[in-house]
Amino acid sequence: METVAGVRDLKNKLSHYLREVKKGRSIMITERGKIVATIVPAQEHPDVEKLKKLARSGLGTWRGGKPKGASRPVVVKGKPVGDIVLEERR
């Protein structure tokens, strides 16, 4: 089931409309009578299940937050990219 809401009404009753979306309803947002956006219930990205499977099997871990990167920095040979860009601009 879809519900239609104007921008002002959406701003004033955002919590109400978010509860509706959590129930599985879509909200069509209008601005001056024209539909400009639709809020739909979030769906999990297909890769999330693959990542959960890796974590369950012990092949990967994630404690939330931003990845910290490799324990050893990658060694790159050659000029820094910034120097190459500056040379190309000349």
PDB file of N, CA and C in Angstrom:
ATOM      1  N   MET A   1       0.839  -1.187   0.000  1.00  0.00           N
ATOM      2  CA  MET A   1       0.000   0.000   0.000  1.00  0.00           C
ATOM      3  C   MET A   1       0.880   1.244   0.000  1.00  0.00           C
ATOM      4  N   GLU A   2       0.561   2.216  -0.842  1.00  0.00           N
ATOM      5  CA  GLU A   2       1.347   3.443  -0.910  1.00  0.00           C
ATOM      6  C   GLU A   2       0.566   4.594  -0.283  1.00  0.00           C
ATOM      7  N   THR A   3       1.296   5.473   0.381  1.00  0.00           N
ATOM      8  CA  THR A   3       0.741   6.667   0.988  1.00  0.00           C
ATOM      9  C   THR A   3       1.379   7.860   0.300  1.00  0.00           C
ATOM     10  N   VAL A   4       0.632   8.932   0.135  1.00  0.00           N
ATOM     11  CA  VAL A   4       1.151  10.143  -0.487  1.00  0.00           C
ATOM     12  C   VAL A   4       1.275  11.213   0.591  1.00  0.00           C
ATOM     13  N   ALA A   5       2.428  11.911   0.599  1.00  0.00           N
ATOM     14  CA  ALA A   5       2.656  12.976   1.584  1.00  0.00           C
ATOM     15  C   ALA A   5       3.389  14.128   0.922  1.00  0.00           C
ATOM     16  N   GLY A   6       2.973  15.328   1.233  1.00  0.00           N
ATOM     17  CA  GLY A   6       3.687  16.505   0.767  1.00  0.00           C
ATOM     18  C   GLY A   6       4.954  16.709   1.592  1.00  0.00           C
ATOM     19  N   VAL A   7       5.875  17.496   1.070  1.00  0.00           N
ATOM     20  CA  VAL A   7       7.156  17.720   1.750  1.00  0.00           C
ATOM     21  C   VAL A   7       6.936  18.306   3.138  1.00  0.00           C
ATOM     22  N   ARG A   8       6.089  19.309   3.258  1.00  0.00           N
ATOM     23  CA  ARG A   8       5.862  19.947   4.556  1.00  0.00           C
ATOM     24  C   ARG A   8       5.273  18.950   5.554  1.00  0.00           C
ATOM     25  N   ASP A   9       4.297  18.163   5.104  1.00  0.00           N
ATOM     26  CA  ASP A   9       3.684  17.169   5.967  1.00  0.00           C
ATOM     27  C   ASP A   9       4.705  16.109   6.378  1.00  0.00           C
ATOM     28  N   LEU A  10       5.555  15.707   5.448  1.00  0.00           N
ATOM     29  CA  LEU A  10       6.597  14.723   5.756  1.00  0.00           C
ATOM     30  C   LEU A  10       7.532  15.254   6.838  1.00  0.00           C
ATOM     31  N   LYS A  11       7.945  16.523   6.710  1.00  0.00           N
ATOM     32  CA  LYS A  11       8.844  17.109   7.708  1.00  0.00           C
ATOM     33  C   LYS A  11       8.165  17.186   9.075  1.00  0.00           C
ATOM     34  N   ASN A  12       6.893  17.545   9.081  1.00  0.00           N
ATOM     35  CA  ASN A  12       6.182  17.702  10.353  1.00  0.00           C
ATOM     36  C   ASN A  12       5.857  16.376  11.028  1.00  0.00           C
ATOM     37  N   LYS A  13       5.686  15.313  10.238  1.00  0.00           N
ATOM     38  CA  LYS A  13       5.275  14.020  10.794  1.00  0.00           C
ATOM     39  C   LYS A  13       6.247  12.914  10.399  1.00  0.00           C
ATOM     40  N   LEU A  14       7.527  13.208  10.364  1.00  0.00           N
ATOM     41  CA  LEU A  14       8.522  12.244   9.892  1.00  0.00           C
ATOM     42  C   LEU A  14       8.473  10.932  10.667  1.00  0.00           C
ATOM     43  N   SER A  15       8.375  11.000  11.980  1.00  0.00           N
ATOM     44  CA  SER A  15       8.348   9.774  12.787  1.00  0.00           C
ATOM     45  C   SER A  15       7.152   8.892  12.410  1.00  0.00           C
ATOM     46  N   HIS A  16       6.020   9.515  12.185  1.00  0.00           N
ATOM     47  CA  HIS A  16       4.823   8.769  11.779  1.00  0.00           C
ATOM     48  C   HIS A  16       5.066   8.035  10.463  1.00  0.00           C
ATOM     49  N   TYR A  17       5.606   8.739   9.487  1.00  0.00           N
ATOM     50  CA  TYR A  17       5.830   8.129   8.176  1.00  0.00           C
ATOM     51  C   TYR A  17       6.909   7.047   8.230  1.00  0.00           C
ATOM     52  N   LEU A  18       7.913   7.222   9.069  1.00  0.00           N
ATOM     53  CA  LEU A  18       8.937   6.183   9.209  1.00  0.00           C
ATOM     54  C   LEU A  18       8.347   4.916   9.828  1.00  0.00           C
ATOM     55  N   ARG A  19       7.420   5.073  10.760  1.00  0.00           N
ATOM     56  CA  ARG A  19       6.743   3.898  11.322  1.00  0.00           C
ATOM     57  C   ARG A  19       5.955   3.167  10.238  1.00  0.00           C
ATOM     58  N   GLU A  20       5.337   3.923   9.339  1.00  0.00           N
ATOM     59  CA  GLU A  20       4.595   3.319   8.234  1.00  0.00           C
ATOM     60  C   GLU A  20       5.532   2.540   7.315  1.00  0.00           C
ATOM     61  N   VAL A  21       6.695   3.104   7.034  1.00  0.00           N
ATOM     62  CA  VAL A  21       7.669   2.433   6.169  1.00  0.00           C
ATOM     63  C   VAL A  21       8.154   1.154   6.840  1.00  0.00           C
ATOM     64  N   LYS A  22       8.383   1.194   8.153  1.00  0.00           N
ATOM     65  CA  LYS A  22       8.813  -0.008   8.885  1.00  0.00           C
ATOM     66  C   LYS A  22       7.773  -1.118   8.787  1.00  0.00           C
ATOM     67  N   LYS A  23       6.501  -0.739   8.633  1.00  0.00           N
ATOM     68  CA  LYS A  23       5.429  -1.730   8.491  1.00  0.00           C
ATOM     69  C   LYS A  23       5.377  -2.297   7.073  1.00  0.00           C
ATOM     70  N   GLY A  24       6.210  -1.770   6.172  1.00  0.00           N
ATOM     71  CA  GLY A  24       6.237  -2.282   4.804  1.00  0.00           C
ATOM     72  C   GLY A  24       5.543  -1.398   3.789  1.00  0.00           C
ATOM     73  N   ARG A  25       5.074  -0.257   4.194  1.00  0.00           N
ATOM     74  CA  ARG A  25       4.380   0.638   3.269  1.00  0.00           C
ATOM     75  C   ARG A  25       5.364   1.582   2.576  1.00  0.00           C
ATOM     76  N   SER A  26       5.041   1.994   1.357  1.00  0.00           N
ATOM     77  CA  SER A  26       5.839   2.973   0.629  1.00  0.00           C
ATOM     78  C   SER A  26       5.191   4.345   0.773  1.00  0.00           C
ATOM     79  N   ILE A  27       6.013   5.386   0.836  1.00  0.00           N
ATOM     80  CA  ILE A  27       5.512   6.757   0.956  1.00  0.00           C
ATOM     81  C   ILE A  27       5.955   7.528  -0.281  1.00  0.00           C
ATOM     82  N   MET A  28       4.995   8.039  -1.042  1.00  0.00           N
ATOM     83  CA  MET A  28       5.313   8.861  -2.211  1.00  0.00           C
ATOM     84  C   MET A  28       5.335  10.309  -1.748  1.00  0.00           C
ATOM     85  N   ILE A  29       6.454  11.013  -2.011  1.00  0.00           N
ATOM     86  CA  ILE A  29       6.626  12.392  -1.568  1.00  0.00           C
ATOM     87  C   ILE A  29       6.319  13.322  -2.732  1.00  0.00           C
ATOM     88  N   THR A  30       5.462  14.321  -2.458  1.00  0.00           N
ATOM     89  CA  THR A  30       5.113  15.276  -3.507  1.00  0.00           C
ATOM     90  C   THR A  30       5.605  16.668  -3.141  1.00  0.00           C
ATOM     91  N   GLU A  31       5.881  17.434  -4.181  1.00  0.00           N
ATOM     92  CA  GLU A  31       6.245  18.839  -4.027  1.00  0.00           C
ATOM     93  C   GLU A  31       5.422  19.604  -5.044  1.00  0.00           C
ATOM     94  N   ARG A  32       4.548  20.451  -4.550  1.00  0.00           N
ATOM     95  CA  ARG A  32       3.629  21.209  -5.403  1.00  0.00           C
ATOM     96  C   ARG A  32       2.821  20.291  -6.315  1.00  0.00           C
ATOM     97  N   GLY A  33       2.389  19.158  -5.746  1.00  0.00           N
ATOM     98  CA  GLY A  33       1.516  18.257  -6.471  1.00  0.00           C
ATOM     99  C   GLY A  33       2.207  17.243  -7.377  1.00  0.00           C
ATOM    100  N   LYS A  34       3.527  17.337  -7.516  1.00  0.00           N
ATOM    101  CA  LYS A  34       4.254  16.390  -8.374  1.00  0.00           C
ATOM    102  C   LYS A  34       5.087  15.447  -7.504  1.00  0.00           C
ATOM    103  N   ILE A  35       5.068  14.174  -7.864  1.00  0.00           N
ATOM    104  CA  ILE A  35       5.848  13.194  -7.116  1.00  0.00           C
ATOM    105  C   ILE A  35       7.332  13.424  -7.386  1.00  0.00           C
ATOM    106  N   VAL A  36       8.114  13.591  -6.316  1.00  0.00           N
ATOM    107  CA  VAL A  36       9.551  13.849  -6.448  1.00  0.00           C
ATOM    108  C   VAL A  36      10.408  12.733  -5.857  1.00  0.00           C
ATOM    109  N   ALA A  37       9.816  11.903  -4.994  1.00  0.00           N
ATOM    110  CA  ALA A  37      10.594  10.829  -4.367  1.00  0.00           C
ATOM    111  C   ALA A  37       9.652   9.791  -3.788  1.00  0.00           C
ATOM    112  N   THR A  38      10.221   8.631  -3.513  1.00  0.00           N
ATOM    113  CA  THR A  38       9.477   7.574  -2.850  1.00  0.00           C
ATOM    114  C   THR A  38      10.348   6.999  -1.749  1.00  0.00           C
ATOM    115  N   ILE A  39       9.783   6.857  -0.577  1.00  0.00           N
ATOM    116  CA  ILE A  39      10.490   6.205   0.532  1.00  0.00           C
ATOM    117  C   ILE A  39       9.961   4.782   0.601  1.00  0.00           C
ATOM    118  N   VAL A  40      10.869   3.832   0.496  1.00  0.00           N
ATOM    119  CA  VAL A  40      10.486   2.420   0.526  1.00  0.00           C
ATOM    120  C   VAL A  40      11.232   1.726   1.661  1.00  0.00           C
ATOM    121  N   PRO A  41      10.703   0.616   2.157  1.00  0.00           N
ATOM    122  CA  PRO A  41      11.405  -0.121   3.206  1.00  0.00           C
ATOM    123  C   PRO A  41      12.795  -0.552   2.735  1.00  0.00           C
ATOM    124  N   ALA A  42      13.758  -0.468   3.625  1.00  0.00           N
ATOM    125  CA  ALA A  42      15.136  -0.837   3.293  1.00  0.00           C
ATOM    126  C   ALA A  42      15.229  -2.332   3.071  1.00  0.00           C
ATOM    127  N   GLN A  43      16.096  -2.695   2.145  1.00  0.00           N
ATOM    128  CA  GLN A  43      16.357  -4.104   1.904  1.00  0.00           C
ATOM    129  C   GLN A  43      17.840  -4.337   2.055  1.00  0.00           C
ATOM    130  N   GLU A  44      18.175  -5.466   2.616  1.00  0.00           N
ATOM    131  CA  GLU A  44      19.570  -5.785   2.847  1.00  0.00           C
ATOM    132  C   GLU A  44      20.260  -6.070   1.516  1.00  0.00           C
ATOM    133  N   HIS A  45      21.460  -5.552   1.370  1.00  0.00           N
ATOM    134  CA  HIS A  45      22.241  -5.791   0.162  1.00  0.00           C
ATOM    135  C   HIS A  45      22.529  -7.285   0.035  1.00  0.00           C
ATOM    136  N   PRO A  46      22.490  -7.843  -1.188  1.00  0.00           N
ATOM    137  CA  PRO A  46      22.694  -9.286  -1.357  1.00  0.00           C
ATOM    138  C   PRO A  46      24.033  -9.792  -0.818  1.00  0.00           C
ATOM    139  N   ASP A  47      25.048  -8.960  -0.815  1.00  0.00           N
ATOM    140  CA  ASP A  47      26.363  -9.394  -0.346  1.00  0.00           C
ATOM    141  C   ASP A  47      26.435  -9.531   1.172  1.00  0.00           C
ATOM    142  N   VAL A  48      25.491  -8.934   1.883  1.00  0.00           N
ATOM    143  CA  VAL A  48      25.527  -8.988   3.343  1.00  0.00           C
ATOM    144  C   VAL A  48      25.433 -10.429   3.836  1.00  0.00           C
ATOM    145  N   GLU A  49      24.572 -11.231   3.213  1.00  0.00           N
ATOM    146  CA  GLU A  49      24.436 -12.630   3.637  1.00  0.00           C
ATOM    147  C   GLU A  49      25.736 -13.397   3.403  1.00  0.00           C
ATOM    148  N   LYS A  50      26.427 -13.109   2.304  1.00  0.00           N
ATOM    149  CA  LYS A  50      27.719 -13.752   2.033  1.00  0.00           C
ATOM    150  C   LYS A  50      28.732 -13.391   3.117  1.00  0.00           C
ATOM    151  N   LEU A  51      28.738 -12.126   3.520  1.00  0.00           N
ATOM    152  CA  LEU A  51      29.670 -11.687   4.555  1.00  0.00           C
ATOM    153  C   LEU A  51      29.342 -12.327   5.903  1.00  0.00           C
ATOM    154  N   LYS A  52      28.058 -12.431   6.209  1.00  0.00           N
ATOM    155  CA  LYS A  52      27.656 -13.090   7.458  1.00  0.00           C
ATOM    156  C   LYS A  52      28.093 -14.551   7.463  1.00  0.00           C
ATOM    157  N   LYS A  53      27.994 -15.206   6.295  1.00  0.00           N
ATOM    158  CA  LYS A  53      28.399 -16.604   6.176  1.00  0.00           C
ATOM    159  C   LYS A  53      29.901 -16.751   6.425  1.00  0.00           C
ATOM    160  N   LEU A  54      30.701 -15.808   5.887  1.00  0.00           N
ATOM    161  CA  LEU A  54      32.147 -15.827   6.128  1.00  0.00           C
ATOM    162  C   LEU A  54      32.450 -15.669   7.612  1.00  0.00           C
ATOM    163  N   ALA A  55      31.746 -14.762   8.258  1.00  0.00           N
ATOM    164  CA  ALA A  55      31.981 -14.535   9.689  1.00  0.00           C
ATOM    165  C   ALA A  55      31.609 -15.770  10.504  1.00  0.00           C
ATOM    166  N   ARG A  56      30.487 -16.406  10.169  1.00  0.00           N
ATOM    167  CA  ARG A  56      30.072 -17.616  10.896  1.00  0.00           C
ATOM    168  C   ARG A  56      31.072 -18.758  10.721  1.00  0.00           C
ATOM    169  N   SER A  57      31.673 -18.841   9.533  1.00  0.00           N
ATOM    170  CA  SER A  57      32.618 -19.930   9.283  1.00  0.00           C
ATOM    171  C   SER A  57      33.998 -19.645   9.874  1.00  0.00           C
ATOM    172  N   GLY A  58      34.210 -18.433  10.375  1.00  0.00           N
ATOM    173  CA  GLY A  58      35.495 -18.087  10.977  1.00  0.00           C
ATOM    174  C   GLY A  58      36.517 -17.564   9.986  1.00  0.00           C
ATOM    175  N   LEU A  59      36.129 -17.407   8.714  1.00  0.00           N
ATOM    176  CA  LEU A  59      37.068 -16.908   7.705  1.00  0.00           C
ATOM    177  C   LEU A  59      37.179 -15.388   7.717  1.00  0.00           C
ATOM    178  N   GLY A  60      36.252 -14.730   8.341  1.00  0.00           N
ATOM    179  CA  GLY A  60      36.303 -13.273   8.394  1.00  0.00           C
ATOM    180  C   GLY A  60      35.683 -12.776   9.683  1.00  0.00           C
ATOM    181  N   THR A  61      36.082 -11.588  10.100  1.00  0.00           N
ATOM    182  CA  THR A  61      35.500 -10.988  11.291  1.00  0.00           C
ATOM    183  C   THR A  61      35.239  -9.509  11.027  1.00  0.00           C
ATOM    184  N   TRP A  62      34.287  -8.967  11.747  1.00  0.00           N
ATOM    185  CA  TRP A  62      34.007  -7.541  11.677  1.00  0.00           C
ATOM    186  C   TRP A  62      33.321  -7.150  12.966  1.00  0.00           C
ATOM    187  N   ARG A  63      33.837  -6.145  13.611  1.00  0.00           N
ATOM    188  CA  ARG A  63      33.262  -5.685  14.874  1.00  0.00           C
ATOM    189  C   ARG A  63      32.524  -4.366  14.696  1.00  0.00           C
ATOM    190  N   GLY A  64      32.147  -4.064  13.476  1.00  0.00           N
ATOM    191  CA  GLY A  64      31.507  -2.794  13.185  1.00  0.00           C
ATOM    192  C   GLY A  64      32.569  -1.728  13.024  1.00  0.00           C
ATOM    193  N   GLY A  65      32.202  -0.601  12.565  1.00  0.00           N
ATOM    194  CA  GLY A  65      33.154   0.487  12.407  1.00  0.00           C
ATOM    195  C   GLY A  65      33.912   0.409  11.092  1.00  0.00           C
ATOM    196  N   LYS A  66      34.785   1.358  10.918  1.00  0.00           N
ATOM    197  CA  LYS A  66      35.552   1.499   9.690  1.00  0.00           C
ATOM    198  C   LYS A  66      36.749   0.539   9.695  1.00  0.00           C
ATOM    199  N   PRO A  67      37.032  -0.124   8.557  1.00  0.00           N
ATOM    200  CA  PRO A  67      38.201  -0.993   8.502  1.00  0.00           C
ATOM    201  C   PRO A  67      39.485  -0.206   8.756  1.00  0.00           C
ATOM    202  N   LYS A  68      40.425  -0.817   9.441  1.00  0.00           N
ATOM    203  CA  LYS A  68      41.668  -0.140   9.782  1.00  0.00           C
ATOM    204  C   LYS A  68      42.730  -0.282   8.703  1.00  0.00           C
ATOM    205  N   GLY A  69      42.572  -1.199   7.802  1.00  0.00           N
ATOM    206  CA  GLY A  69      43.559  -1.391   6.749  1.00  0.00           C
ATOM    207  C   GLY A  69      44.515  -2.519   7.086  1.00  0.00           C
ATOM    208  N   ALA A  70      45.492  -2.698   6.226  1.00  0.00           N
ATOM    209  CA  ALA A  70      46.438  -3.791   6.388  1.00  0.00           C
ATOM    210  C   ALA A  70      47.420  -3.494   7.514  1.00  0.00           C
ATOM    211  N   SER A  71      47.941  -4.560   8.104  1.00  0.00           N
ATOM    212  CA  SER A  71      48.919  -4.378   9.179  1.00  0.00           C
ATOM    213  C   SER A  71      50.263  -3.916   8.614  1.00  0.00           C
ATOM    214  N   ARG A  72      50.539  -4.277   7.355  1.00  0.00           N
ATOM    215  CA  ARG A  72      51.754  -3.802   6.693  1.00  0.00           C
ATOM    216  C   ARG A  72      51.348  -2.906   5.524  1.00  0.00           C
ATOM    217  N   PRO A  73      51.902  -1.711   5.424  1.00  0.00           N
ATOM    218  CA  PRO A  73      51.527  -0.840   4.306  1.00  0.00           C
ATOM    219  C   PRO A  73      52.019  -1.416   2.976  1.00  0.00           C
ATOM    220  N   VAL A  74      51.291  -1.121   1.930  1.00  0.00           N
ATOM    221  CA  VAL A  74      51.657  -1.574   0.592  1.00  0.00           C
ATOM    222  C   VAL A  74      52.824  -0.735   0.089  1.00  0.00           C
ATOM    223  N   VAL A  75      53.840  -1.405  -0.466  1.00  0.00           N
ATOM    224  CA  VAL A  75      55.001  -0.715  -1.007  1.00  0.00           C
ATOM    225  C   VAL A  75      54.769  -0.501  -2.501  1.00  0.00           C
ATOM    226  N   VAL A  76      54.826   0.755  -2.914  1.00  0.00           N
ATOM    227  CA  VAL A  76      54.593   1.094  -4.314  1.00  0.00           C
ATOM    228  C   VAL A  76      55.858   1.700  -4.881  1.00  0.00           C
ATOM    229  N   LYS A  77      56.258   1.224  -6.061  1.00  0.00           N
ATOM    230  CA  LYS A  77      57.455   1.758  -6.711  1.00  0.00           C
ATOM    231  C   LYS A  77      57.047   2.841  -7.694  1.00  0.00           C
ATOM    232  N   GLY A  78      57.930   3.751  -7.945  1.00  0.00           N
ATOM    233  CA  GLY A  78      57.652   4.812  -8.909  1.00  0.00           C
ATOM    234  C   GLY A  78      57.337   6.125  -8.227  1.00  0.00           C
ATOM    235  N   LYS A  79      56.926   7.094  -9.072  1.00  0.00           N
ATOM    236  CA  LYS A  79      56.627   8.439  -8.574  1.00  0.00           C
ATOM    237  C   LYS A  79      55.275   8.455  -7.861  1.00  0.00           C
ATOM    238  N   PRO A  80      55.139   9.359  -6.899  1.00  0.00           N
ATOM    239  CA  PRO A  80      53.827   9.542  -6.279  1.00  0.00           C
ATOM    240  C   PRO A  80      52.818  10.060  -7.308  1.00  0.00           C
ATOM    241  N   VAL A  81      51.564   9.693  -7.154  1.00  0.00           N
ATOM    242  CA  VAL A  81      50.522  10.087  -8.096  1.00  0.00           C
ATOM    243  C   VAL A  81      50.423  11.603  -8.204  1.00  0.00           C
ATOM    244  N   GLY A  82      50.576  12.302  -7.097  1.00  0.00           N
ATOM    245  CA  GLY A  82      50.498  13.764  -7.124  1.00  0.00           C
ATOM    246  C   GLY A  82      51.542  14.370  -8.047  1.00  0.00           C
ATOM    247  N   ASP A  83      52.766  13.825  -8.037  1.00  0.00           N
ATOM    248  CA  ASP A  83      53.818  14.331  -8.927  1.00  0.00           C
ATOM    249  C   ASP A  83      53.479  14.067 -10.386  1.00  0.00           C
ATOM    250  N   ILE A  84      52.920  12.897 -10.671  1.00  0.00           N
ATOM    251  CA  ILE A  84      52.548  12.566 -12.050  1.00  0.00           C
ATOM    252  C   ILE A  84      51.454  13.506 -12.548  1.00  0.00           C
ATOM    253  N   VAL A  85      50.493  13.804 -11.710  1.00  0.00           N
ATOM    254  CA  VAL A  85      49.409  14.716 -12.093  1.00  0.00           C
ATOM    255  C   VAL A  85      49.962  16.098 -12.388  1.00  0.00           C
ATOM    256  N   LEU A  86      50.859  16.575 -11.535  1.00  0.00           N
ATOM    257  CA  LEU A  86      51.456  17.895 -11.757  1.00  0.00           C
ATOM    258  C   LEU A  86      52.246  17.943 -13.058  1.00  0.00           C
ATOM    259  N   GLU A  87      52.965  16.877 -13.385  1.00  0.00           N
ATOM    260  CA  GLU A  87      53.707  16.820 -14.635  1.00  0.00           C
ATOM    261  C   GLU A  87      52.767  16.846 -15.834  1.00  0.00           C
ATOM    262  N   GLU A  88      51.645  16.153 -15.753  1.00  0.00           N
ATOM    263  CA  GLU A  88      50.692  16.103 -16.855  1.00  0.00           C
ATOM    264  C   GLU A  88      50.021  17.455 -17.089  1.00  0.00           C
ATOM    265  N   ARG A  89      49.915  18.264 -16.062  1.00  0.00           N
ATOM    266  CA  ARG A  89      49.284  19.572 -16.194  1.00  0.00           C
ATOM    267  C   ARG A  89      50.182  20.595 -16.866  1.00  0.00           C
ATOM    268  N   ARG A  90      51.470  20.309 -16.904  1.00  0.00           N
ATOM    269  CA  ARG A  90      52.398  21.280 -17.513  1.00  0.00           C
ATOM    270  C   ARG A  90      52.434  21.172 -18.985  1.00  0.00           C
TER     271      ARG A  90
END
